[in-house]
Every structure is written in C-alpha cells, then in structure tokens.
Amino acid sequence: MPESRVAEAESLQSLLEAAVAELGLSERLLETRILLAWDEAAGPLASRARPLKVRHGKLEVAVASPVWRTQLNFVKQEIVARLNDRVGVQVIGELVLRNAGKGS
C-alpha cells in the first residue's frame, strides 16, 4: 500500500477511535472484540462452550457438559490471557463457567 494510503487509513482509524470514545462505546467495543476472539483464544475447547456476555471484567461462558466444564477450568487462566492479548488491553479478569441448559 502506498505511503499516502497508509496515512489515510491511520487517519481514518484515529477518527473512528475518537468517535467511539466520544460516544462512550469504547468499553462495549472491547467487550465485543473479546466475544469475537473466543474461538481463537479457546482453541479446540471453543466448540464445547460459547461466550454469553462480558460484565464487570468477567466473561460468562455456557459449557456443554460437566466434563467440558472441568476441562475449561484447567485452562481458563490461559484463555483469559489469550483473550486480553487479542484486544491489547486487560478487559477480562475471570471466566465464569455456566452449564448450558436446554434453553441456552
């Protein structure tokens, strides 16, 4: 990409970041990025659990079964670290694992 196009893209990114911040959406944007990063951060376990919501630094995750919940318990700190690395800032401090009921 030519240098002028790179500068234009960086300028546009700066404008978008400023608009998001001004609208008070920065935190929601980071939370959404965390949810979108789940599959990559959780690796093979992602197919057995799905992120529900981010609230107060905690990511709630619905887990398919008690067996998979146990497996996630073993690696949840590593997943938290990978999620925060993906967004470049600490958003999540804890995974909260929930049983995926018939209605979830």
PDB file of N, CA and C in Angstrom:
ATOM      1  N   MET A   1       0.856  -1.175   0.000  1.00  0.00           N
ATOM      2  CA  MET A   1       0.000   0.000   0.000  1.00  0.00           C
ATOM      3  C   MET A   1       0.900   1.237   0.000  1.00  0.00           C
ATOM      4  N   PRO A   2       0.636   2.206  -0.894  1.00  0.00           N
ATOM      5  CA  PRO A   2       1.438   3.433  -0.928  1.00  0.00           C
ATOM      6  C   PRO A   2       1.356   4.175   0.408  1.00  0.00           C
ATOM      7  N   GLU A   3       2.401   4.957   0.659  1.00  0.00           N
ATOM      8  CA  GLU A   3       2.510   5.665   1.936  1.00  0.00           C
ATOM      9  C   GLU A   3       1.319   6.585   2.207  1.00  0.00           C
ATOM     10  N   SER A   4       0.814   7.265   1.182  1.00  0.00           N
ATOM     11  CA  SER A   4      -0.316   8.178   1.384  1.00  0.00           C
ATOM     12  C   SER A   4      -1.584   7.414   1.788  1.00  0.00           C
ATOM     13  N   ARG A   5      -1.750   6.219   1.244  1.00  0.00           N
ATOM     14  CA  ARG A   5      -2.928   5.413   1.603  1.00  0.00           C
ATOM     15  C   ARG A   5      -2.819   4.903   3.042  1.00  0.00           C
ATOM     16  N   VAL A   6      -1.610   4.569   3.455  1.00  0.00           N
ATOM     17  CA  VAL A   6      -1.385   4.138   4.832  1.00  0.00           C
ATOM     18  C   VAL A   6      -1.722   5.285   5.778  1.00  0.00           C
ATOM     19  N   ALA A   7      -1.272   6.471   5.443  1.00  0.00           N
ATOM     20  CA  ALA A   7      -1.556   7.646   6.276  1.00  0.00           C
ATOM     21  C   ALA A   7      -3.055   7.910   6.327  1.00  0.00           C
ATOM     22  N   GLU A   8      -3.747   7.765   5.199  1.00  0.00           N
ATOM     23  CA  GLU A   8      -5.200   7.956   5.175  1.00  0.00           C
ATOM     24  C   GLU A   8      -5.902   6.917   6.046  1.00  0.00           C
ATOM     25  N   ALA A   9      -5.466   5.672   5.955  1.00  0.00           N
ATOM     26  CA  ALA A   9      -6.071   4.607   6.758  1.00  0.00           C
ATOM     27  C   ALA A   9      -5.843   4.854   8.240  1.00  0.00           C
ATOM     28  N   GLU A  10      -4.639   5.267   8.610  1.00  0.00           N
ATOM     29  CA  GLU A  10      -4.346   5.560  10.019  1.00  0.00           C
ATOM     30  C   GLU A  10      -5.168   6.745  10.498  1.00  0.00           C
ATOM     31  N   SER A  11      -5.335   7.737   9.634  1.00  0.00           N
ATOM     32  CA  SER A  11      -6.135   8.911   9.983  1.00  0.00           C
ATOM     33  C   SER A  11      -7.596   8.522  10.197  1.00  0.00           C
ATOM     34  N   LEU A  12      -8.113   7.667   9.320  1.00  0.00           N
ATOM     35  CA  LEU A  12      -9.492   7.200   9.456  1.00  0.00           C
ATOM     36  C   LEU A  12      -9.661   6.393  10.734  1.00  0.00           C
ATOM     37  N   GLN A  13      -8.680   5.556  11.026  1.00  0.00           N
ATOM     38  CA  GLN A  13      -8.739   4.766  12.257  1.00  0.00           C
ATOM     39  C   GLN A  13      -8.766   5.684  13.479  1.00  0.00           C
ATOM     40  N   SER A  14      -7.956   6.712  13.476  1.00  0.00           N
ATOM     41  CA  SER A  14      -7.926   7.667  14.583  1.00  0.00           C
ATOM     42  C   SER A  14      -9.274   8.370  14.750  1.00  0.00           C
ATOM     43  N   LEU A  15      -9.865   8.757  13.616  1.00  0.00           N
ATOM     44  CA  LEU A  15     -11.177   9.408  13.663  1.00  0.00           C
ATOM     45  C   LEU A  15     -12.243   8.472  14.238  1.00  0.00           C
ATOM     46  N   LEU A  16     -12.226   7.219  13.795  1.00  0.00           N
ATOM     47  CA  LEU A  16     -13.201   6.240  14.299  1.00  0.00           C
ATOM     48  C   LEU A  16     -13.006   5.987  15.791  1.00  0.00           C
ATOM     49  N   GLU A  17     -11.768   5.842  16.223  1.00  0.00           N
ATOM     50  CA  GLU A  17     -11.495   5.627  17.646  1.00  0.00           C
ATOM     51  C   GLU A  17     -11.970   6.809  18.476  1.00  0.00           C
ATOM     52  N   ALA A  18     -11.751   8.022  17.981  1.00  0.00           N
ATOM     53  CA  ALA A  18     -12.198   9.208  18.693  1.00  0.00           C
ATOM     54  C   ALA A  18     -13.723   9.262  18.774  1.00  0.00           C
ATOM     55  N   ALA A  19     -14.397   8.924  17.675  1.00  0.00           N
ATOM     56  CA  ALA A  19     -15.862   8.927  17.669  1.00  0.00           C
ATOM     57  C   ALA A  19     -16.416   7.886  18.636  1.00  0.00           C
ATOM     58  N   VAL A  20     -15.827   6.696  18.632  1.00  0.00           N
ATOM     59  CA  VAL A  20     -16.268   5.627  19.547  1.00  0.00           C
ATOM     60  C   VAL A  20     -16.091   6.078  20.990  1.00  0.00           C
ATOM     61  N   ALA A  21     -14.945   6.678  21.299  1.00  0.00           N
ATOM     62  CA  ALA A  21     -14.677   7.154  22.660  1.00  0.00           C
ATOM     63  C   ALA A  21     -15.657   8.265  23.054  1.00  0.00           C
ATOM     64  N   GLU A  22     -15.904   9.188  22.134  1.00  0.00           N
ATOM     65  CA  GLU A  22     -16.812  10.303  22.418  1.00  0.00           C
ATOM     66  C   GLU A  22     -18.234   9.811  22.688  1.00  0.00           C
ATOM     67  N   LEU A  23     -18.623   8.758  22.009  1.00  0.00           N
ATOM     68  CA  LEU A  23     -19.961   8.201  22.204  1.00  0.00           C
ATOM     69  C   LEU A  23     -20.036   7.286  23.435  1.00  0.00           C
ATOM     70  N   GLY A  24     -18.912   7.076  24.084  1.00  0.00           N
ATOM     71  CA  GLY A  24     -18.896   6.221  25.263  1.00  0.00           C
ATOM     72  C   GLY A  24     -19.013   4.745  24.947  1.00  0.00           C
ATOM     73  N   LEU A  25     -18.549   4.348  23.767  1.00  0.00           N
ATOM     74  CA  LEU A  25     -18.694   2.965  23.328  1.00  0.00           C
ATOM     75  C   LEU A  25     -17.400   2.163  23.398  1.00  0.00           C
ATOM     76  N   SER A  26     -16.345   2.752  23.902  1.00  0.00           N
ATOM     77  CA  SER A  26     -15.051   2.068  23.921  1.00  0.00           C
ATOM     78  C   SER A  26     -15.112   0.749  24.675  1.00  0.00           C
ATOM     79  N   GLU A  27     -15.717   0.772  25.848  1.00  0.00           N
ATOM     80  CA  GLU A  27     -15.793  -0.449  26.646  1.00  0.00           C
ATOM     81  C   GLU A  27     -16.625  -1.517  25.947  1.00  0.00           C
ATOM     82  N   ARG A  28     -17.756  -1.127  25.388  1.00  0.00           N
ATOM     83  CA  ARG A  28     -18.610  -2.099  24.671  1.00  0.00           C
ATOM     84  C   ARG A  28     -17.878  -2.680  23.458  1.00  0.00           C
ATOM     85  N   LEU A  29     -17.114  -1.858  22.784  1.00  0.00           N
ATOM     86  CA  LEU A  29     -16.361  -2.327  21.627  1.00  0.00           C
ATOM     87  C   LEU A  29     -15.326  -3.370  22.056  1.00  0.00           C
ATOM     88  N   LEU A  30     -14.629  -3.116  23.150  1.00  0.00           N
ATOM     89  CA  LEU A  30     -13.658  -4.087  23.661  1.00  0.00           C
ATOM     90  C   LEU A  30     -14.348  -5.384  24.068  1.00  0.00           C
ATOM     91  N   GLU A  31     -15.499  -5.265  24.713  1.00  0.00           N
ATOM     92  CA  GLU A  31     -16.249  -6.465  25.119  1.00  0.00           C
ATOM     93  C   GLU A  31     -16.666  -7.281  23.900  1.00  0.00           C
ATOM     94  N   THR A  32     -17.098  -6.610  22.864  1.00  0.00           N
ATOM     95  CA  THR A  32     -17.490  -7.301  21.630  1.00  0.00           C
ATOM     96  C   THR A  32     -16.284  -7.969  20.980  1.00  0.00           C
ATOM     97  N   ARG A  33     -15.154  -7.294  20.999  1.00  0.00           N
ATOM     98  CA  ARG A  33     -13.937  -7.894  20.444  1.00  0.00           C
ATOM     99  C   ARG A  33     -13.537  -9.141  21.227  1.00  0.00           C
ATOM    100  N   ILE A  34     -13.753  -9.132  22.543  1.00  0.00           N
ATOM    101  CA  ILE A  34     -13.474 -10.315  23.375  1.00  0.00           C
ATOM    102  C   ILE A  34     -14.360 -11.476  22.916  1.00  0.00           C
ATOM    103  N   LEU A  35     -15.648 -11.220  22.738  1.00  0.00           N
ATOM    104  CA  LEU A  35     -16.568 -12.277  22.303  1.00  0.00           C
ATOM    105  C   LEU A  35     -16.161 -12.841  20.943  1.00  0.00           C
ATOM    106  N   LEU A  36     -15.738 -11.961  20.048  1.00  0.00           N
ATOM    107  CA  LEU A  36     -15.333 -12.396  18.711  1.00  0.00           C
ATOM    108  C   LEU A  36     -14.015 -13.174  18.723  1.00  0.00           C
ATOM    109  N   ALA A  37     -13.198 -12.951  19.733  1.00  0.00           N
ATOM    110  CA  ALA A  37     -11.901 -13.632  19.821  1.00  0.00           C
ATOM    111  C   ALA A  37     -11.999 -14.998  20.494  1.00  0.00           C
ATOM    112  N   TRP A  38     -13.187 -15.367  20.981  1.00  0.00           N
ATOM    113  CA  TRP A  38     -13.347 -16.598  21.746  1.00  0.00           C
ATOM    114  C   TRP A  38     -12.828 -17.841  21.021  1.00  0.00           C
ATOM    115  N   ASP A  39     -13.264 -18.060  19.797  1.00  0.00           N
ATOM    116  CA  ASP A  39     -12.895 -19.288  19.079  1.00  0.00           C
ATOM    117  C   ASP A  39     -11.382 -19.460  18.990  1.00  0.00           C
ATOM    118  N   GLU A  40     -10.705 -18.395  18.652  1.00  0.00           N
ATOM    119  CA  GLU A  40      -9.251 -18.465  18.514  1.00  0.00           C
ATOM    120  C   GLU A  40      -8.577 -18.652  19.879  1.00  0.00           C
ATOM    121  N   ALA A  41      -9.036 -17.929  20.889  1.00  0.00           N
ATOM    122  CA  ALA A  41      -8.404 -17.989  22.211  1.00  0.00           C
ATOM    123  C   ALA A  41      -8.662 -19.316  22.917  1.00  0.00           C
ATOM    124  N   ALA A  42      -9.851 -19.880  22.734  1.00  0.00           N
ATOM    125  CA  ALA A  42     -10.204 -21.129  23.427  1.00  0.00           C
ATOM    126  C   ALA A  42      -9.722 -22.359  22.672  1.00  0.00           C
ATOM    127  N   GLY A  43      -9.354 -22.201  21.424  1.00  0.00           N
ATOM    128  CA  GLY A  43      -8.845 -23.326  20.648  1.00  0.00           C
ATOM    129  C   GLY A  43      -9.883 -24.427  20.496  1.00  0.00           C
ATOM    130  N   PRO A  44      -9.470 -25.693  20.630  1.00  0.00           N
ATOM    131  CA  PRO A  44     -10.379 -26.819  20.419  1.00  0.00           C
ATOM    132  C   PRO A  44     -11.555 -26.852  21.407  1.00  0.00           C
ATOM    133  N   LEU A  45     -11.382 -26.222  22.554  1.00  0.00           N
ATOM    134  CA  LEU A  45     -12.469 -26.212  23.540  1.00  0.00           C
ATOM    135  C   LEU A  45     -13.608 -25.269  23.145  1.00  0.00           C
ATOM    136  N   ALA A  46     -13.365 -24.394  22.195  1.00  0.00           N
ATOM    137  CA  ALA A  46     -14.379 -23.418  21.785  1.00  0.00           C
ATOM    138  C   ALA A  46     -15.647 -24.084  21.262  1.00  0.00           C
ATOM    139  N   SER A  47     -15.500 -25.259  20.673  1.00  0.00           N
ATOM    140  CA  SER A  47     -16.676 -25.939  20.128  1.00  0.00           C
ATOM    141  C   SER A  47     -17.570 -26.522  21.226  1.00  0.00           C
ATOM    142  N   ARG A  48     -17.075 -26.590  22.439  1.00  0.00           N
ATOM    143  CA  ARG A  48     -17.831 -27.165  23.563  1.00  0.00           C
ATOM    144  C   ARG A  48     -18.348 -26.115  24.529  1.00  0.00           C
ATOM    145  N   ALA A  49     -18.091 -24.860  24.215  1.00  0.00           N
ATOM    146  CA  ALA A  49     -18.522 -23.768  25.096  1.00  0.00           C
ATOM    147  C   ALA A  49     -18.731 -22.521  24.240  1.00  0.00           C
ATOM    148  N   ARG A  50     -19.644 -21.668  24.676  1.00  0.00           N
ATOM    149  CA  ARG A  50     -19.843 -20.429  23.917  1.00  0.00           C
ATOM    150  C   ARG A  50     -19.937 -19.250  24.866  1.00  0.00           C
ATOM    151  N   PRO A  51     -19.317 -18.153  24.476  1.00  0.00           N
ATOM    152  CA  PRO A  51     -19.344 -16.959  25.325  1.00  0.00           C
ATOM    153  C   PRO A  51     -20.737 -16.356  25.326  1.00  0.00           C
ATOM    154  N   LEU A  52     -21.182 -15.925  26.494  1.00  0.00           N
ATOM    155  CA  LEU A  52     -22.514 -15.333  26.613  1.00  0.00           C
ATOM    156  C   LEU A  52     -22.459 -13.820  26.713  1.00  0.00           C
ATOM    157  N   LYS A  53     -21.675 -13.330  27.669  1.00  0.00           N
ATOM    158  CA  LYS A  53     -21.607 -11.873  27.859  1.00  0.00           C
ATOM    159  C   LYS A  53     -20.385 -11.527  28.690  1.00  0.00           C
ATOM    160  N   VAL A  54     -20.012 -10.266  28.589  1.00  0.00           N
ATOM    161  CA  VAL A  54     -18.945  -9.717  29.405  1.00  0.00           C
ATOM    162  C   VAL A  54     -19.598  -8.728  30.361  1.00  0.00           C
ATOM    163  N   ARG A  55     -19.240  -8.880  31.638  1.00  0.00           N
ATOM    164  CA  ARG A  55     -19.817  -7.975  32.636  1.00  0.00           C
ATOM    165  C   ARG A  55     -18.838  -7.817  33.786  1.00  0.00           C
ATOM    166  N   HIS A  56     -18.500  -6.585  34.090  1.00  0.00           N
ATOM    167  CA  HIS A  56     -17.614  -6.271  35.213  1.00  0.00           C
ATOM    168  C   HIS A  56     -16.315  -7.073  35.166  1.00  0.00           C
ATOM    169  N   GLY A  57     -15.728  -7.197  33.980  1.00  0.00           N
ATOM    170  CA  GLY A  57     -14.458  -7.892  33.842  1.00  0.00           C
ATOM    171  C   GLY A  57     -14.553  -9.407  33.871  1.00  0.00           C
ATOM    172  N   LYS A  58     -15.756  -9.920  33.791  1.00  0.00           N
ATOM    173  CA  LYS A  58     -15.954 -11.371  33.790  1.00  0.00           C
ATOM    174  C   LYS A  58     -16.634 -11.783  32.493  1.00  0.00           C
ATOM    175  N   LEU A  59     -16.121 -12.857  31.899  1.00  0.00           N
ATOM    176  CA  LEU A  59     -16.737 -13.411  30.704  1.00  0.00           C
ATOM    177  C   LEU A  59     -17.526 -14.647  31.104  1.00  0.00           C
ATOM    178  N   GLU A  60     -18.836 -14.595  30.913  1.00  0.00           N
ATOM    179  CA  GLU A  60     -19.682 -15.756  31.184  1.00  0.00           C
ATOM    180  C   GLU A  60     -19.678 -16.663  29.970  1.00  0.00           C
ATOM    181  N   VAL A  61     -19.472 -17.948  30.231  1.00  0.00           N
ATOM    182  CA  VAL A  61     -19.369 -18.933  29.169  1.00  0.00           C
ATOM    183  C   VAL A  61     -20.310 -20.093  29.470  1.00  0.00           C
ATOM    184  N   ALA A  62     -21.156 -20.447  28.502  1.00  0.00           N
ATOM    185  CA  ALA A  62     -22.037 -21.611  28.627  1.00  0.00           C
ATOM    186  C   ALA A  62     -21.259 -22.834  28.158  1.00  0.00           C
ATOM    187  N   VAL A  63     -21.212 -23.842  29.016  1.00  0.00           N
ATOM    188  CA  VAL A  63     -20.419 -25.041  28.744  1.00  0.00           C
ATOM    189  C   VAL A  63     -21.357 -26.222  28.512  1.00  0.00           C
ATOM    190  N   ALA A  64     -21.036 -27.032  27.509  1.00  0.00           N
ATOM    191  CA  ALA A  64     -21.911 -28.117  27.059  1.00  0.00           C
ATOM    192  C   ALA A  64     -22.163 -29.197  28.110  1.00  0.00           C
ATOM    193  N   SER A  65     -21.175 -29.503  28.941  1.00  0.00           N
ATOM    194  CA  SER A  65     -21.348 -30.580  29.910  1.00  0.00           C
ATOM    195  C   SER A  65     -20.375 -30.390  31.071  1.00  0.00           C
ATOM    196  N   PRO A  66     -20.617 -31.092  32.180  1.00  0.00           N
ATOM    197  CA  PRO A  66     -19.694 -31.016  33.316  1.00  0.00           C
ATOM    198  C   PRO A  66     -18.270 -31.452  32.964  1.00  0.00           C
ATOM    199  N   VAL A  67     -18.142 -32.402  32.064  1.00  0.00           N
ATOM    200  CA  VAL A  67     -16.812 -32.858  31.655  1.00  0.00           C
ATOM    201  C   VAL A  67     -16.046 -31.713  30.987  1.00  0.00           C
ATOM    202  N   TRP A  68     -16.699 -31.017  30.072  1.00  0.00           N
ATOM    203  CA  TRP A  68     -16.040 -29.903  29.381  1.00  0.00           C
ATOM    204  C   TRP A  68     -15.819 -28.729  30.323  1.00  0.00           C
ATOM    205  N   ARG A  69     -16.706 -28.576  31.273  1.00  0.00           N
ATOM    206  CA  ARG A  69     -16.521 -27.518  32.282  1.00  0.00           C
ATOM    207  C   ARG A  69     -15.230 -27.772  33.065  1.00  0.00           C
ATOM    208  N   THR A  70     -14.993 -29.027  33.426  1.00  0.00           N
ATOM    209  CA  THR A  70     -13.766 -29.385  34.136  1.00  0.00           C
ATOM    210  C   THR A  70     -12.544 -29.086  33.269  1.00  0.00           C
ATOM    211  N   GLN A  71     -12.626 -29.446  31.999  1.00  0.00           N
ATOM    212  CA  GLN A  71     -11.513 -29.180  31.085  1.00  0.00           C
ATOM    213  C   GLN A  71     -11.223 -27.682  30.984  1.00  0.00           C
ATOM    214  N   LEU A  72     -12.279 -26.889  30.870  1.00  0.00           N
ATOM    215  CA  LEU A  72     -12.097 -25.430  30.792  1.00  0.00           C
ATOM    216  C   LEU A  72     -11.520 -24.871  32.084  1.00  0.00           C
ATOM    217  N   ASN A  73     -11.910 -25.444  33.211  1.00  0.00           N
ATOM    218  CA  ASN A  73     -11.359 -24.987  34.491  1.00  0.00           C
ATOM    219  C   ASN A  73      -9.841 -25.100  34.519  1.00  0.00           C
ATOM    220  N   PHE A  74      -9.311 -26.137  33.910  1.00  0.00           N
ATOM    221  CA  PHE A  74      -7.865 -26.347  33.902  1.00  0.00           C
ATOM    222  C   PHE A  74      -7.117 -25.278  33.109  1.00  0.00           C
ATOM    223  N   VAL A  75      -7.762 -24.709  32.095  1.00  0.00           N
ATOM    224  CA  VAL A  75      -7.061 -23.779  31.194  1.00  0.00           C
ATOM    225  C   VAL A  75      -7.662 -22.374  31.180  1.00  0.00           C
ATOM    226  N   LYS A  76      -8.554 -22.088  32.094  1.00  0.00           N
ATOM    227  CA  LYS A  76      -9.254 -20.802  31.989  1.00  0.00           C
ATOM    228  C   LYS A  76      -8.334 -19.588  32.144  1.00  0.00           C
ATOM    229  N   GLN A  77      -7.295 -19.676  32.957  1.00  0.00           N
ATOM    230  CA  GLN A  77      -6.381 -18.528  33.073  1.00  0.00           C
ATOM    231  C   GLN A  77      -5.618 -18.287  31.771  1.00  0.00           C
ATOM    232  N   GLU A  78      -5.261 -19.363  31.101  1.00  0.00           N
ATOM    233  CA  GLU A  78      -4.577 -19.222  29.813  1.00  0.00           C
ATOM    234  C   GLU A  78      -5.512 -18.605  28.767  1.00  0.00           C
ATOM    235  N   ILE A  79      -6.768 -19.001  28.798  1.00  0.00           N
ATOM    236  CA  ILE A  79      -7.751 -18.439  27.857  1.00  0.00           C
ATOM    237  C   ILE A  79      -7.951 -16.954  28.138  1.00  0.00           C
ATOM    238  N   VAL A  80      -8.056 -16.593  29.405  1.00  0.00           N
ATOM    239  CA  VAL A  80      -8.204 -15.177  29.780  1.00  0.00           C
ATOM    240  C   VAL A  80      -7.014 -14.373  29.246  1.00  0.00           C
ATOM    241  N   ALA A  81      -5.816 -14.894  29.437  1.00  0.00           N
ATOM    242  CA  ALA A  81      -4.618 -14.191  28.957  1.00  0.00           C
ATOM    243  C   ALA A  81      -4.645 -14.041  27.438  1.00  0.00           C
ATOM    244  N   ARG A  82      -5.040 -15.101  26.723  1.00  0.00           N
ATOM    245  CA  ARG A  82      -5.106 -15.032  25.254  1.00  0.00           C
ATOM    246  C   ARG A  82      -6.154 -14.033  24.788  1.00  0.00           C
ATOM    247  N   LEU A  83      -7.304 -14.009  25.454  1.00  0.00           N
ATOM    248  CA  LEU A  83      -8.353 -13.053  25.081  1.00  0.00           C
ATOM    249  C   LEU A  83      -7.856 -11.616  25.247  1.00  0.00           C
ATOM    250  N   ASN A  84      -7.261 -11.334  26.400  1.00  0.00           N
ATOM    251  CA  ASN A  84      -6.754  -9.983  26.642  1.00  0.00           C
ATOM    252  C   ASN A  84      -5.648  -9.621  25.664  1.00  0.00           C
ATOM    253  N   ASP A  85      -4.802 -10.587  25.320  1.00  0.00           N
ATOM    254  CA  ASP A  85      -3.757 -10.338  24.317  1.00  0.00           C
ATOM    255  C   ASP A  85      -4.365  -9.971  22.973  1.00  0.00           C
ATOM    256  N   ARG A  86      -5.468 -10.627  22.600  1.00  0.00           N
ATOM    257  CA  ARG A  86      -6.101 -10.377  21.294  1.00  0.00           C
ATOM    258  C   ARG A  86      -6.593  -8.937  21.178  1.00  0.00           C
ATOM    259  N   VAL A  87      -7.068  -8.355  22.285  1.00  0.00           N
ATOM    260  CA  VAL A  87      -7.593  -6.991  22.212  1.00  0.00           C
ATOM    261  C   VAL A  87      -6.562  -5.950  22.640  1.00  0.00           C
ATOM    262  N   GLY A  88      -5.427  -6.402  23.177  1.00  0.00           N
ATOM    263  CA  GLY A  88      -4.347  -5.480  23.500  1.00  0.00           C
ATOM    264  C   GLY A  88      -4.475  -4.748  24.814  1.00  0.00           C
ATOM    265  N   VAL A  89      -5.440  -5.124  25.618  1.00  0.00           N
ATOM    266  CA  VAL A  89      -5.646  -4.491  26.928  1.00  0.00           C
ATOM    267  C   VAL A  89      -6.383  -5.488  27.809  1.00  0.00           C
ATOM    268  N   GLN A  90      -6.209  -5.353  29.124  1.00  0.00           N
ATOM    269  CA  GLN A  90      -6.909  -6.290  30.004  1.00  0.00           C
ATOM    270  C   GLN A  90      -8.369  -5.880  30.149  1.00  0.00           C
ATOM    271  N   VAL A  91      -9.231  -6.707  29.602  1.00  0.00           N
ATOM    272  CA  VAL A  91     -10.678  -6.497  29.684  1.00  0.00           C
ATOM    273  C   VAL A  91     -11.279  -7.543  30.615  1.00  0.00           C
ATOM    274  N   ILE A  92     -10.764  -8.761  30.518  1.00  0.00           N
ATOM    275  CA  ILE A  92     -11.294  -9.890  31.267  1.00  0.00           C
ATOM    276  C   ILE A  92     -10.340 -10.266  32.383  1.00  0.00           C
ATOM    277  N   GLY A  93     -10.885 -10.476  33.578  1.00  0.00           N
ATOM    278  CA  GLY A  93     -10.091 -10.953  34.694  1.00  0.00           C
ATOM    279  C   GLY A  93     -10.449 -12.369  35.075  1.00  0.00           C
ATOM    280  N   GLU A  94     -11.630 -12.810  34.614  1.00  0.00           N
ATOM    281  CA  GLU A  94     -12.118 -14.119  35.051  1.00  0.00           C
ATOM    282  C   GLU A  94     -13.103 -14.694  34.044  1.00  0.00           C
ATOM    283  N   LEU A  95     -13.067 -16.024  33.905  1.00  0.00           N
ATOM    284  CA  LEU A  95     -14.107 -16.743  33.165  1.00  0.00           C
ATOM    285  C   LEU A  95     -15.078 -17.309  34.186  1.00  0.00           C
ATOM    286  N   VAL A  96     -16.358 -17.109  33.950  1.00  0.00           N
ATOM    287  CA  VAL A  96     -17.398 -17.689  34.786  1.00  0.00           C
ATOM    288  C   VAL A  96     -18.088 -18.757  33.937  1.00  0.00           C
ATOM    289  N   LEU A  97     -17.979 -20.007  34.370  1.00  0.00           N
ATOM    290  CA  LEU A  97     -18.491 -21.125  33.590  1.00  0.00           C
ATOM    291  C   LEU A  97     -19.876 -21.496  34.068  1.00  0.00           C
ATOM    292  N   ARG A  98     -20.805 -21.566  33.123  1.00  0.00           N
ATOM    293  CA  ARG A  98     -22.207 -21.903  33.417  1.00  0.00           C
ATOM    294  C   ARG A  98     -22.571 -23.161  32.650  1.00  0.00           C
ATOM    295  N   ASN A  99     -23.462 -23.951  33.207  1.00  0.00           N
ATOM    296  CA  ASN A  99     -23.982 -25.113  32.484  1.00  0.00           C
ATOM    297  C   ASN A  99     -24.897 -24.607  31.379  1.00  0.00           C
ATOM    298  N   ALA A 100     -24.725 -25.155  30.204  1.00  0.00           N
ATOM    299  CA  ALA A 100     -25.593 -24.789  29.075  1.00  0.00           C
ATOM    300  C   ALA A 100     -26.873 -25.609  29.225  1.00  0.00           C
ATOM    301  N   GLY A 101     -27.939 -24.942  29.627  1.00  0.00           N
ATOM    302  CA  GLY A 101     -29.215 -25.628  29.782  1.00  0.00           C
ATOM    303  C   GLY A 101     -29.904 -25.785  28.462  1.00  0.00           C
ATOM    304  N   LYS A 102     -31.031 -26.454  28.472  1.00  0.00           N
ATOM    305  CA  LYS A 102     -31.770 -26.668  27.236  1.00  0.00           C
ATOM    306  C   LYS A 102     -32.179 -25.360  26.581  1.00  0.00           C
ATOM    307  N   GLY A 103     -32.396 -24.316  27.392  1.00  0.00           N
ATOM    308  CA  GLY A 103     -32.828 -23.034  26.846  1.00  0.00           C
ATOM    309  C   GLY A 103     -31.701 -22.123  26.438  1.00  0.00           C
ATOM    310  N   SER A 104     -30.417 -22.512  26.632  1.00  0.00           N
ATOM    311  CA  SER A 104     -29.343 -21.586  26.300  1.00  0.00           C
ATOM    312  C   SER A 104     -28.758 -21.803  24.950  1.00  0.00           C
TER     313      SER A 104
END
